[in-house]
Amino acid sequence: MSNMKKKSLRGAAVSQISSLHYEHPSYKWWVLGNVMIGTFMAVLDATIVDVSLAKIMATFGIGVDSVKWVATAYLLVFAVMLPTSGWIADHFGYKRTYSMGLSLFTLGSLLCSFSWNETALIFFRVIQGAGAGFIMPVGMAIVTREFPPEKRGVALGFWAIAAAASVSLGPTLGGYLIDNFSWHSIFDINVPVGIVGIFATFVIQREYRTARTRSFDIAGFISVSVFLTTLLIALSDGNAEWNTGGWTSPFIISCFALSIIGLVVFLIVELNIKHPLIDLSLLKNFNFAMANIVLFIFGMGMFGSTFLLPLYLQNGLGYTAFQAGSLFLPIGIIMAIMAPIAGTFSDKMNPKIIALIGIMLLASSLFVNRYLSLFSETSSIMISLYLRGLGMGLIFTPLSAMALSEIPRERMAQASGLFNVLRQIGGSFGVALMGTLLTDRTIFHYTFYGEAVNKYSPVAKNIVGGLSEFSQHAIGGTNSISVLRANALIIYNISQQAFVSAVDDDFLIAAIITVLCIIPILFLRYKKKKGPAQKIVTME
């Protein structure tokens, strides 16, 4: 037999084996497992970093106004890349796009570990966020395509479990790694898992590409990127240490002006182009528009407050990173229990009621944190976290069901993408806003408490005398050195109290922002369903 015929037969055999491989009943479950790896990693890195911020601040000698960009940059790029992933997957293939997302994420993780300053870390987080922005929507689309309609709900349920698990495990795992190794390890751990995920994608998945691809909306992509980036820079750096001009500095005013121009251009382009980056016409559906407003406001309050709590626990109460992270473990467990319960009740009663209860529980958890102090006990902090888990578990299923109930099937992918984009953007705004307010209010309270201390009063003199005497007995040294130590201790105490008071102010603002979600929820239109309710699984 000639070599040509041997090669032909060998190729036919490989093709037949591949075909059998893809048609095997277990194939789709292998694909689901492969996608769950990427989903877990992408969501994990949005939460694992929160407990490392205090350590990063100490390592690089930076303040809150700089370190908040480590979280904000990831969320922002994640949100910007979400709507572009569909076009790229249609054009280049879903397997190839998913592999590219995993590769970018893994490369970004490796580079983050090598960061030599905060600027490099923020830049490499952008690469990570870009990869995650491909992983999430493309992975969901792959699972939806491979599973038949009767098994799709179960598959998406497992997919959502991977995301929910990473919400709980992220801070706990991050805290353990930081305490036992270093902050670099929270990025190092992604590299071997990412490599396994990339290899599994090439071995397991088949390629799929749509027959027709639409043109890419480059003008929409550039304008929305300019709008979001410049607005977040202005909101984040209005009171930064380097910005001596404050909110009226030429740089901040220029950023606001560019953001307005970017928004105007984006709206004009998206409303007039044949294939928009983000289909804004979906917002003509009243329920979908109201639900997106809720998600945006919710994202601001939830992500902003999640950014605050680890900083308070570590810098205010002296918790280790692992101790701080482990407190978040029950949230995901409670969410996983409450989400199906919320779905069941939403089928039997008005979903608005379930969503309202969830929002009120979440707002209550934030309001409880308004009374945190330097002497708060773990049990009191856990009460607010239990309330948060209950609230978040009740919000998403009924809200998603009402938002997407009137959207045609052929537009469901665009609608789901916009739904997630606005929540991520809200989260970016929340972190930027809470970080800015934290810096402002810390300065305010420090000035207020400092002015209240009269060093010439008898009480102040007695305290300084007692502290200096204790310092001499405990450490030794001259009387003048002991007095300096006593004054330094008083200043440290004032700064700690100012920081905690600022955290309290931020939680109050986050609670007020969350309460605002009630208004659009009340306007949602509910029509009682005659047949069995369609359950829609969403990712948190």
Protein backbone atom coordinates (compact mmCIF):
# COMPACT_ATOMS: atom_id res chain seq x y z
CA MET A 1 0.00 0.00 0.00
CA SER A 2 1.37 3.39 -0.94
CA ASN A 3 2.31 6.04 1.63
CA MET A 4 -0.43 8.30 0.25
CA LYS A 5 -3.12 5.69 0.93
CA LYS A 6 -1.72 4.95 4.40
CA LYS A 7 -1.86 8.64 5.32
CA SER A 8 -5.38 8.90 3.93
CA LEU A 9 -6.57 5.90 5.93
CA ARG A 10 -4.81 7.15 9.07
CA GLY A 11 -6.46 10.56 8.68
CA ALA A 12 -9.87 8.98 8.17
CA ALA A 13 -9.37 6.84 11.28
CA VAL A 14 -8.40 9.86 13.39
CA SER A 15 -11.39 11.79 12.06
CA GLN A 16 -13.71 8.89 12.92
CA ILE A 17 -12.27 8.57 16.42
CA SER A 18 -12.65 12.34 16.94
CA SER A 19 -16.24 12.19 15.72
CA LEU A 20 -17.02 9.36 18.12
CA HIS A 21 -15.28 11.26 20.89
CA TYR A 22 -17.46 14.34 20.37
CA GLU A 23 -20.65 12.26 20.09
CA HIS A 24 -19.97 10.27 23.26
CA PRO A 25 -22.62 10.91 25.97
CA SER A 26 -19.95 11.96 28.47
CA TYR A 27 -18.36 14.53 26.11
CA LYS A 28 -20.57 17.43 27.15
CA TRP A 29 -19.84 16.76 30.83
CA TRP A 30 -16.09 16.85 30.16
CA VAL A 31 -16.65 20.19 28.42
CA LEU A 32 -18.61 21.44 31.45
CA GLY A 33 -15.77 20.43 33.78
CA ASN A 34 -13.28 22.17 31.51
CA VAL A 35 -15.35 25.39 31.48
CA MET A 36 -15.89 25.25 35.26
CA ILE A 37 -12.10 25.43 35.76
CA GLY A 38 -11.91 28.74 33.90
CA THR A 39 -15.07 30.11 35.55
CA PHE A 40 -13.76 29.30 39.02
CA MET A 41 -10.44 31.02 38.32
CA ALA A 42 -11.96 34.15 36.77
CA VAL A 43 -14.39 34.81 39.62
CA LEU A 44 -11.85 33.71 42.23
CA ASP A 45 -9.45 36.46 41.22
CA ALA A 46 -12.13 39.12 41.65
CA THR A 47 -12.43 38.15 45.34
CA ILE A 48 -9.07 36.66 46.34
CA VAL A 49 -7.28 40.00 45.93
CA ASP A 50 -9.43 41.81 48.52
CA VAL A 51 -7.68 40.18 51.48
CA SER A 52 -4.25 40.92 49.98
CA LEU A 53 -4.71 44.69 49.66
CA ALA A 54 -3.45 45.45 53.18
CA LYS A 55 -0.28 43.42 52.52
CA ILE A 56 0.24 45.07 49.12
CA MET A 57 -0.16 48.51 50.73
CA ALA A 58 2.52 47.65 53.29
CA THR A 59 4.86 46.09 50.69
CA PHE A 60 4.79 48.99 48.23
CA GLY A 61 4.23 51.74 50.82
CA ILE A 62 1.06 53.04 49.15
CA GLY A 63 -2.33 54.26 50.36
CA VAL A 64 -5.93 53.35 49.65
CA ASP A 65 -6.12 55.78 46.70
CA SER A 66 -3.53 53.66 44.83
CA VAL A 67 -4.28 50.12 46.00
CA LYS A 68 -7.97 50.33 45.08
CA TRP A 69 -6.90 50.30 41.41
CA VAL A 70 -5.64 46.72 41.89
CA ALA A 71 -9.30 45.73 42.33
CA THR A 72 -10.88 48.36 40.07
CA ALA A 73 -8.66 47.71 37.02
CA TYR A 74 -9.63 44.01 36.96
CA LEU A 75 -13.36 44.70 37.27
CA LEU A 76 -13.29 47.51 34.69
CA VAL A 77 -11.44 45.57 31.96
CA PHE A 78 -13.55 42.51 32.74
CA ALA A 79 -16.68 44.59 32.05
CA VAL A 80 -15.31 46.21 28.86
CA MET A 81 -14.24 42.88 27.35
CA LEU A 82 -17.53 41.07 28.07
CA PRO A 83 -19.47 42.52 25.09
CA THR A 84 -16.54 42.02 22.68
CA SER A 85 -16.12 38.32 23.48
CA GLY A 86 -19.19 37.29 21.47
CA TRP A 87 -17.90 38.84 18.24
CA ILE A 88 -14.40 37.42 18.71
CA ALA A 89 -15.79 33.92 19.40
CA ASP A 90 -18.06 34.08 16.34
CA HIS A 91 -15.19 35.29 14.16
CA PHE A 92 -12.28 33.13 15.38
CA GLY A 93 -14.06 30.18 16.97
CA TYR A 94 -15.29 29.45 20.49
CA LYS A 95 -12.61 26.95 21.43
CA ARG A 96 -9.85 29.26 20.21
CA THR A 97 -11.34 32.29 22.02
CA TYR A 98 -11.77 30.36 25.26
CA SER A 99 -8.16 29.14 25.03
CA MET A 100 -7.01 32.71 24.37
CA GLY A 101 -8.91 33.90 27.45
CA LEU A 102 -7.29 31.23 29.62
CA SER A 103 -3.87 32.05 28.16
CA LEU A 104 -4.23 35.79 28.81
CA PHE A 105 -5.47 35.14 32.33
CA THR A 106 -2.62 32.74 33.10
CA LEU A 107 -0.01 35.08 31.61
CA GLY A 108 -1.46 38.02 33.54
CA SER A 109 -1.32 35.99 36.76
CA LEU A 110 2.34 35.13 36.20
CA LEU A 111 3.22 38.76 35.46
CA CYS A 112 1.29 39.97 38.53
CA SER A 113 3.50 37.75 40.66
CA PHE A 114 6.60 39.44 39.19
CA SER A 115 5.28 42.99 39.83
CA TRP A 116 7.96 45.34 41.20
CA ASN A 117 5.61 48.22 42.08
CA GLU A 118 1.92 49.09 42.19
CA THR A 119 1.91 50.49 38.63
CA ALA A 120 3.19 47.22 37.18
CA LEU A 121 0.70 45.23 39.27
CA ILE A 122 -2.25 47.34 38.07
CA PHE A 123 -1.13 46.99 34.43
CA PHE A 124 -0.79 43.21 34.72
CA ARG A 125 -4.21 43.05 36.40
CA VAL A 126 -5.57 44.62 33.21
CA ILE A 127 -4.21 41.63 31.25
CA GLN A 128 -5.83 39.29 33.78
CA GLY A 129 -9.16 41.09 33.51
CA ALA A 130 -9.07 40.92 29.71
CA GLY A 131 -8.64 37.14 29.89
CA ALA A 132 -11.46 36.78 32.42
CA GLY A 133 -13.70 38.88 30.17
CA PHE A 134 -13.35 36.19 27.49
CA ILE A 135 -13.57 33.18 29.83
CA MET A 136 -16.93 33.92 31.46
CA PRO A 137 -19.32 34.63 28.55
CA VAL A 138 -17.65 32.28 26.05
CA GLY A 139 -17.59 29.47 28.60
CA MET A 140 -21.30 29.95 29.28
CA ALA A 141 -22.04 29.96 25.53
CA ILE A 142 -20.06 26.72 25.05
CA VAL A 143 -22.00 24.98 27.84
CA THR A 144 -25.32 26.25 26.46
CA ARG A 145 -24.46 24.97 22.97
CA GLU A 146 -23.29 21.50 24.02
CA PHE A 147 -26.21 20.65 26.30
CA PRO A 148 -29.73 20.00 24.98
CA PRO A 149 -32.52 22.24 26.36
CA GLU A 150 -33.78 19.56 28.78
CA LYS A 151 -30.35 19.30 30.46
CA ARG A 152 -29.22 22.91 30.06
CA GLY A 153 -30.61 24.08 33.39
CA VAL A 154 -28.65 21.42 35.31
CA ALA A 155 -25.47 22.24 33.37
CA LEU A 156 -25.77 25.99 33.98
CA GLY A 157 -26.51 25.22 37.62
CA PHE A 158 -23.15 23.44 37.95
CA TRP A 159 -21.50 26.31 36.06
CA ALA A 160 -23.01 28.78 38.55
CA ILE A 161 -21.83 26.63 41.49
CA ALA A 162 -18.22 27.07 40.30
CA ALA A 163 -18.70 30.84 40.37
CA ALA A 164 -20.47 30.85 43.75
CA ALA A 165 -17.82 28.58 45.29
CA SER A 166 -15.06 30.97 44.28
CA VAL A 167 -16.89 33.85 46.01
CA SER A 168 -16.60 31.97 49.32
CA LEU A 169 -13.25 30.27 48.83
CA GLY A 170 -11.46 33.27 47.29
CA PRO A 171 -10.88 35.32 50.46
CA THR A 172 -10.22 32.20 52.58
CA LEU A 173 -7.71 30.70 50.16
CA GLY A 174 -6.11 34.10 49.58
CA GLY A 175 -5.73 34.69 53.31
CA TYR A 176 -4.09 31.29 53.84
CA LEU A 177 -1.61 31.84 51.01
CA ILE A 178 -0.69 35.34 52.16
CA ASP A 179 -0.16 34.31 55.79
CA ASN A 180 1.91 31.22 54.95
CA PHE A 181 3.74 32.41 51.83
CA SER A 182 3.41 35.92 50.34
CA TRP A 183 0.96 38.06 48.38
CA HIS A 184 2.64 36.81 45.18
CA SER A 185 1.28 33.31 45.82
CA ILE A 186 -2.35 34.37 45.18
CA PHE A 187 -1.30 34.90 41.56
CA ASP A 188 1.18 32.01 41.35
CA ILE A 189 -1.56 29.49 42.15
CA ASN A 190 -3.39 30.43 38.94
CA VAL A 191 -0.49 29.47 36.69
CA PRO A 192 -0.49 25.63 37.01
CA VAL A 193 -4.31 25.55 37.09
CA GLY A 194 -4.40 27.76 33.99
CA ILE A 195 -1.93 25.54 32.13
CA VAL A 196 -4.03 22.45 32.96
CA GLY A 197 -7.15 24.31 31.77
CA ILE A 198 -5.49 25.31 28.46
CA PHE A 199 -4.28 21.75 27.85
CA ALA A 200 -7.72 20.33 28.71
CA THR A 201 -9.37 22.76 26.29
CA PHE A 202 -7.19 21.62 23.40
CA VAL A 203 -7.73 17.93 24.22
CA ILE A 204 -11.45 17.98 25.09
CA GLN A 205 -13.27 20.68 23.16
CA ARG A 206 -14.20 20.75 19.50
CA GLU A 207 -14.10 23.98 17.54
CA TYR A 208 -17.28 25.83 16.64
CA ARG A 209 -17.62 28.93 14.53
CA THR A 210 -20.80 30.62 13.31
CA ALA A 211 -21.46 30.65 9.57
CA ARG A 212 -22.00 34.41 9.46
CA THR A 213 -20.13 36.98 11.49
CA ARG A 214 -21.12 40.59 12.01
CA SER A 215 -18.73 43.51 11.65
CA PHE A 216 -16.93 44.65 14.80
CA ASP A 217 -18.08 47.93 16.33
CA ILE A 218 -14.64 49.49 16.82
CA ALA A 219 -16.07 52.99 17.39
CA GLY A 220 -18.36 51.68 20.13
CA PHE A 221 -15.53 49.76 21.79
CA ILE A 222 -13.14 52.76 21.83
CA SER A 223 -15.78 55.26 22.99
CA VAL A 224 -17.09 53.09 25.85
CA SER A 225 -13.50 52.34 26.95
CA VAL A 226 -12.65 56.07 26.99
CA PHE A 227 -15.88 56.89 28.85
CA LEU A 228 -15.44 54.30 31.61
CA THR A 229 -11.67 54.65 32.05
CA THR A 230 -11.55 58.46 32.27
CA LEU A 231 -14.59 58.64 34.54
CA LEU A 232 -13.12 56.07 36.96
CA ILE A 233 -9.75 57.86 36.95
CA ALA A 234 -11.49 61.14 37.81
CA LEU A 235 -13.56 59.56 40.59
CA SER A 236 -10.58 57.65 42.02
CA ASP A 237 -7.87 60.33 41.87
CA GLY A 238 -9.81 63.45 42.81
CA ASN A 239 -8.20 63.40 46.25
CA ALA A 240 -5.07 61.35 45.49
CA GLU A 241 -1.83 62.37 47.18
CA TRP A 242 -0.18 63.35 43.89
CA ASN A 243 -3.17 65.45 42.81
CA THR A 244 -2.50 68.65 44.72
CA GLY A 245 -5.21 70.53 42.82
CA GLY A 246 -8.00 68.28 44.12
CA TRP A 247 -11.30 67.97 42.26
CA THR A 248 -10.77 71.25 40.38
CA SER A 249 -7.34 70.35 38.99
CA PRO A 250 -6.97 70.54 35.18
CA PHE A 251 -6.28 66.80 35.02
CA ILE A 252 -9.51 65.80 36.83
CA ILE A 253 -11.61 68.30 34.85
CA SER A 254 -10.08 66.96 31.60
CA CYS A 255 -10.94 63.39 32.60
CA PHE A 256 -14.56 64.34 33.29
CA ALA A 257 -14.74 66.17 29.95
CA LEU A 258 -13.30 63.17 28.06
CA SER A 259 -15.73 60.83 29.80
CA ILE A 260 -18.69 62.97 28.72
CA ILE A 261 -17.42 63.07 25.12
CA GLY A 262 -16.88 59.28 25.18
CA LEU A 263 -20.41 58.70 26.49
CA VAL A 264 -22.01 60.96 23.86
CA VAL A 265 -20.06 59.31 21.03
CA PHE A 266 -20.91 55.84 22.36
CA LEU A 267 -24.65 56.57 22.53
CA ILE A 268 -24.70 58.08 19.02
CA VAL A 269 -22.77 55.15 17.53
CA GLU A 270 -24.71 52.40 19.31
CA LEU A 271 -28.11 53.83 18.38
CA ASN A 272 -27.25 54.22 14.70
CA ILE A 273 -24.98 51.31 13.78
CA LYS A 274 -26.31 48.06 12.29
CA HIS A 275 -24.32 45.75 14.57
CA PRO A 276 -23.72 47.59 17.87
CA LEU A 277 -21.21 46.45 20.47
CA ILE A 278 -23.95 46.66 23.12
CA ASP A 279 -27.53 46.46 21.91
CA LEU A 280 -29.01 49.42 23.78
CA SER A 281 -32.37 48.84 22.11
CA LEU A 282 -32.84 46.03 24.66
CA LEU A 283 -33.35 48.75 27.25
CA LYS A 284 -36.60 49.64 25.53
CA ASN A 285 -38.01 46.64 27.38
CA PHE A 286 -39.21 48.22 30.63
CA ASN A 287 -38.50 45.29 32.96
CA PHE A 288 -35.05 44.70 31.47
CA ALA A 289 -34.15 48.40 31.87
CA MET A 290 -35.36 48.56 35.49
CA ALA A 291 -33.55 45.33 36.42
CA ASN A 292 -30.30 46.65 34.95
CA ILE A 293 -30.63 49.82 37.03
CA VAL A 294 -31.04 47.61 40.09
CA LEU A 295 -27.94 45.57 39.19
CA PHE A 296 -25.82 48.68 38.58
CA ILE A 297 -26.79 50.21 41.95
CA PHE A 298 -26.41 46.83 43.65
CA GLY A 299 -22.93 46.40 42.14
CA MET A 300 -21.84 49.76 43.55
CA GLY A 301 -22.96 48.90 47.08
CA MET A 302 -21.93 45.24 47.17
CA PHE A 303 -18.49 45.39 45.49
CA GLY A 304 -17.63 48.64 47.27
CA SER A 305 -18.44 47.19 50.69
CA THR A 306 -16.59 43.93 49.90
CA PHE A 307 -13.50 46.05 49.22
CA LEU A 308 -13.84 47.75 52.63
CA LEU A 309 -14.30 44.87 55.07
CA PRO A 310 -10.91 43.09 54.64
CA LEU A 311 -9.11 46.44 55.05
CA TYR A 312 -11.02 47.11 58.28
CA LEU A 313 -10.37 43.62 59.66
CA GLN A 314 -6.62 43.71 58.95
CA ASN A 315 -5.72 47.38 59.44
CA GLY A 316 -8.31 48.14 62.13
CA LEU A 317 -8.60 44.95 64.20
CA GLY A 318 -5.22 43.39 63.39
CA TYR A 319 -6.63 40.19 61.87
CA THR A 320 -4.32 38.08 59.76
CA ALA A 321 -5.22 37.71 56.09
CA PHE A 322 -6.47 34.16 56.69
CA GLN A 323 -8.60 35.20 59.68
CA ALA A 324 -10.14 37.98 57.59
CA GLY A 325 -10.72 35.76 54.55
CA SER A 326 -12.26 32.88 56.49
CA LEU A 327 -15.10 35.14 57.67
CA PHE A 328 -16.38 35.28 54.07
CA LEU A 329 -16.68 31.48 53.76
CA PRO A 330 -20.33 31.24 54.93
CA ILE A 331 -21.56 33.80 52.35
CA GLY A 332 -21.25 31.49 49.35
CA ILE A 333 -22.71 28.55 51.28
CA ILE A 334 -25.76 30.57 52.32
CA MET A 335 -26.13 31.91 48.77
CA ALA A 336 -26.02 28.39 47.33
CA ILE A 337 -28.78 27.28 49.74
CA MET A 338 -30.99 30.35 49.29
CA ALA A 339 -30.80 30.70 45.48
CA PRO A 340 -32.90 27.60 44.65
CA ILE A 341 -35.32 28.47 47.48
CA ALA A 342 -35.71 31.95 45.99
CA GLY A 343 -36.34 30.37 42.57
CA THR A 344 -39.03 28.08 43.99
CA PHE A 345 -40.85 30.90 45.75
CA SER A 346 -40.51 33.14 42.68
CA ASP A 347 -42.50 30.55 40.70
CA LYS A 348 -45.31 30.62 43.25
CA MET A 349 -45.56 34.31 44.15
CA ASN A 350 -44.62 37.77 42.90
CA PRO A 351 -40.79 37.73 42.36
CA LYS A 352 -40.66 41.42 43.30
CA ILE A 353 -41.41 40.49 46.91
CA ILE A 354 -38.46 38.05 47.03
CA ALA A 355 -36.10 40.59 45.44
CA LEU A 356 -37.26 43.33 47.85
CA ILE A 357 -36.63 41.09 50.85
CA GLY A 358 -33.16 40.33 49.50
CA ILE A 359 -32.33 44.01 49.00
CA MET A 360 -33.56 44.91 52.49
CA LEU A 361 -31.47 42.12 54.04
CA LEU A 362 -28.39 43.26 52.12
CA ALA A 363 -28.95 46.91 53.10
CA SER A 364 -29.44 45.82 56.74
CA SER A 365 -26.11 43.97 56.69
CA LEU A 366 -24.36 47.12 55.49
CA PHE A 367 -26.17 49.30 58.02
CA VAL A 368 -25.14 46.94 60.86
CA ASN A 369 -21.52 47.50 59.80
CA ARG A 370 -22.09 51.22 60.32
CA TYR A 371 -21.38 50.55 64.03
CA LEU A 372 -18.05 48.75 63.67
CA SER A 373 -15.34 49.88 66.09
CA LEU A 374 -11.83 49.04 67.21
CA PHE A 375 -13.39 46.64 69.74
CA SER A 376 -15.93 44.83 67.56
CA GLU A 377 -16.08 41.08 68.16
CA THR A 378 -16.11 38.43 65.46
CA SER A 379 -19.63 37.31 66.39
CA SER A 380 -21.09 40.76 65.71
CA ILE A 381 -19.26 41.00 62.37
CA MET A 382 -20.55 37.57 61.34
CA ILE A 383 -24.17 38.67 61.85
CA SER A 384 -23.77 41.20 59.04
CA LEU A 385 -22.16 38.58 56.78
CA TYR A 386 -24.98 36.09 57.40
CA LEU A 387 -27.49 38.79 56.45
CA ARG A 388 -25.45 39.55 53.32
CA GLY A 389 -25.43 35.90 52.23
CA LEU A 390 -29.19 35.63 52.75
CA GLY A 391 -29.85 38.85 50.84
CA MET A 392 -27.62 38.02 47.87
CA GLY A 393 -29.10 34.52 47.66
CA LEU A 394 -32.59 36.00 47.33
CA ILE A 395 -31.85 38.75 44.81
CA PHE A 396 -30.53 37.24 41.58
CA THR A 397 -32.95 34.48 40.60
CA PRO A 398 -36.19 36.54 40.82
CA LEU A 399 -34.52 39.63 39.37
CA SER A 400 -33.08 37.70 36.41
CA ALA A 401 -36.38 35.94 35.76
CA MET A 402 -38.27 39.24 35.57
CA ALA A 403 -35.55 40.95 33.52
CA LEU A 404 -35.25 38.27 30.84
CA SER A 405 -38.84 36.99 30.77
CA GLU A 406 -39.85 39.23 27.83
CA ILE A 407 -36.59 39.02 25.86
CA PRO A 408 -36.78 36.95 22.62
CA ARG A 409 -34.57 33.85 22.54
CA GLU A 410 -32.47 35.14 19.64
CA ARG A 411 -31.53 38.21 21.69
CA MET A 412 -30.96 36.36 24.97
CA ALA A 413 -27.16 36.25 24.58
CA GLN A 414 -26.90 40.03 24.11
CA ALA A 415 -29.31 40.59 27.02
CA SER A 416 -27.37 38.29 29.37
CA GLY A 417 -24.12 39.99 28.37
CA LEU A 418 -25.48 43.47 29.06
CA PHE A 419 -26.92 42.22 32.35
CA ASN A 420 -23.46 41.13 33.54
CA VAL A 421 -21.65 44.15 32.04
CA LEU A 422 -23.68 46.68 34.01
CA ARG A 423 -23.17 44.79 37.27
CA GLN A 424 -19.40 44.69 36.73
CA ILE A 425 -19.33 48.39 35.81
CA GLY A 426 -21.34 49.15 38.93
CA GLY A 427 -18.77 47.19 40.93
CA SER A 428 -15.91 49.21 39.41
CA PHE A 429 -17.67 52.46 40.29
CA GLY A 430 -18.39 51.16 43.79
CA VAL A 431 -14.75 50.34 44.54
CA ALA A 432 -13.59 53.70 43.12
CA LEU A 433 -16.24 55.62 45.07
CA MET A 434 -15.72 53.81 48.38
CA GLY A 435 -11.94 54.12 48.11
CA THR A 436 -12.18 57.86 47.46
CA LEU A 437 -14.65 58.39 50.31
CA LEU A 438 -12.51 56.29 52.66
CA THR A 439 -9.52 58.56 52.06
CA ASP A 440 -11.61 61.74 52.40
CA ARG A 441 -13.36 60.68 55.58
CA THR A 442 -10.15 59.38 57.18
CA ILE A 443 -8.55 62.81 56.71
CA PHE A 444 -11.71 64.51 58.05
CA HIS A 445 -11.91 62.35 61.20
CA TYR A 446 -8.17 62.54 61.82
CA THR A 447 -8.31 66.34 61.72
CA PHE A 448 -11.41 66.39 63.95
CA TYR A 449 -9.98 64.00 66.57
CA GLY A 450 -6.59 65.71 66.46
CA GLU A 451 -8.10 69.11 67.16
CA ALA A 452 -10.10 67.62 70.04
CA VAL A 453 -6.90 66.57 71.81
CA ASN A 454 -5.59 69.42 73.97
CA LYS A 455 -2.07 68.41 74.93
CA TYR A 456 -2.03 71.08 77.68
CA SER A 457 -5.12 69.73 79.46
CA PRO A 458 -4.67 67.83 82.76
CA VAL A 459 -6.22 64.68 81.25
CA ALA A 460 -3.80 64.67 78.30
CA LYS A 461 -0.82 65.30 80.59
CA ASN A 462 -1.86 62.41 82.86
CA ILE A 463 -2.24 60.05 79.87
CA VAL A 464 1.15 61.04 78.40
CA GLY A 465 2.75 60.68 81.83
CA GLY A 466 1.26 57.22 82.39
CA LEU A 467 2.24 56.01 78.94
CA SER A 468 5.79 57.36 79.20
CA GLU A 469 6.22 55.74 82.63
CA PHE A 470 5.00 52.43 81.26
CA SER A 471 7.35 52.80 78.27
CA GLN A 472 10.35 53.37 80.57
CA HIS A 473 9.56 50.27 82.65
CA ALA A 474 8.82 48.06 79.63
CA ILE A 475 11.47 49.20 77.14
CA GLY A 476 13.80 51.56 78.97
CA GLY A 477 15.35 54.79 77.67
CA THR A 478 15.43 58.37 78.82
CA ASN A 479 12.42 60.35 79.96
CA SER A 480 12.34 62.47 76.75
CA ILE A 481 12.34 59.35 74.54
CA SER A 482 9.53 57.84 76.63
CA VAL A 483 7.46 61.00 76.16
CA LEU A 484 8.00 60.80 72.39
CA ARG A 485 6.84 57.17 72.44
CA ALA A 486 3.74 58.16 74.41
CA ASN A 487 2.85 60.92 71.93
CA ALA A 488 3.44 58.56 68.99
CA LEU A 489 1.10 56.01 70.58
CA ILE A 490 -1.60 58.66 71.00
CA ILE A 491 -1.20 59.74 67.35
CA TYR A 492 -1.41 56.10 66.24
CA ASN A 493 -4.58 55.64 68.28
CA ILE A 494 -6.13 58.74 66.72
CA SER A 495 -5.25 57.56 63.19
CA GLN A 496 -6.72 54.11 63.87
CA GLN A 497 -9.93 55.59 65.22
CA ALA A 498 -10.14 57.98 62.25
CA PHE A 499 -9.75 55.06 59.84
CA VAL A 500 -12.50 53.00 61.52
CA SER A 501 -14.83 56.01 61.63
CA ALA A 502 -14.25 56.50 57.90
CA VAL A 503 -15.06 52.81 57.29
CA ASP A 504 -18.30 53.30 59.24
CA ASP A 505 -19.20 56.29 57.06
CA ASP A 506 -18.54 54.26 53.92
CA PHE A 507 -20.76 51.41 55.08
CA LEU A 508 -23.56 53.88 55.80
CA ILE A 509 -23.25 55.29 52.27
CA ALA A 510 -23.17 51.74 50.81
CA ALA A 511 -26.36 50.93 52.75
CA ILE A 512 -28.09 54.07 51.41
CA ILE A 513 -26.98 53.21 47.85
CA THR A 514 -28.35 49.68 48.24
CA VAL A 515 -31.68 50.94 49.60
CA LEU A 516 -32.06 52.95 46.37
CA CYS A 517 -32.49 49.60 44.56
CA ILE A 518 -35.98 49.40 46.07
CA ILE A 519 -37.25 52.20 43.80
CA PRO A 520 -36.66 50.48 40.39
CA ILE A 521 -37.77 47.11 41.84
CA LEU A 522 -41.14 48.61 42.77
CA PHE A 523 -41.60 49.72 39.16
CA LEU A 524 -41.00 46.22 37.74
CA ARG A 525 -44.07 44.80 36.02
CA TYR A 526 -45.20 41.36 37.07
CA LYS A 527 -47.57 39.16 35.09
CA LYS A 528 -48.70 35.97 36.73
CA LYS A 529 -47.66 33.01 34.59
CA LYS A 530 -50.25 30.51 33.49
CA GLY A 531 -47.88 27.63 32.81
CA PRO A 532 -44.77 26.36 34.58
CA ALA A 533 -42.33 29.16 35.25
CA GLN A 534 -39.11 29.16 33.32
CA LYS A 535 -36.14 29.13 35.64
CA ILE A 536 -33.17 31.19 34.63
CA VAL A 537 -29.83 30.42 36.21
CA THR A 538 -27.52 33.37 36.69
CA MET A 539 -24.00 33.71 37.94
CA GLU A 540 -22.90 35.64 40.95
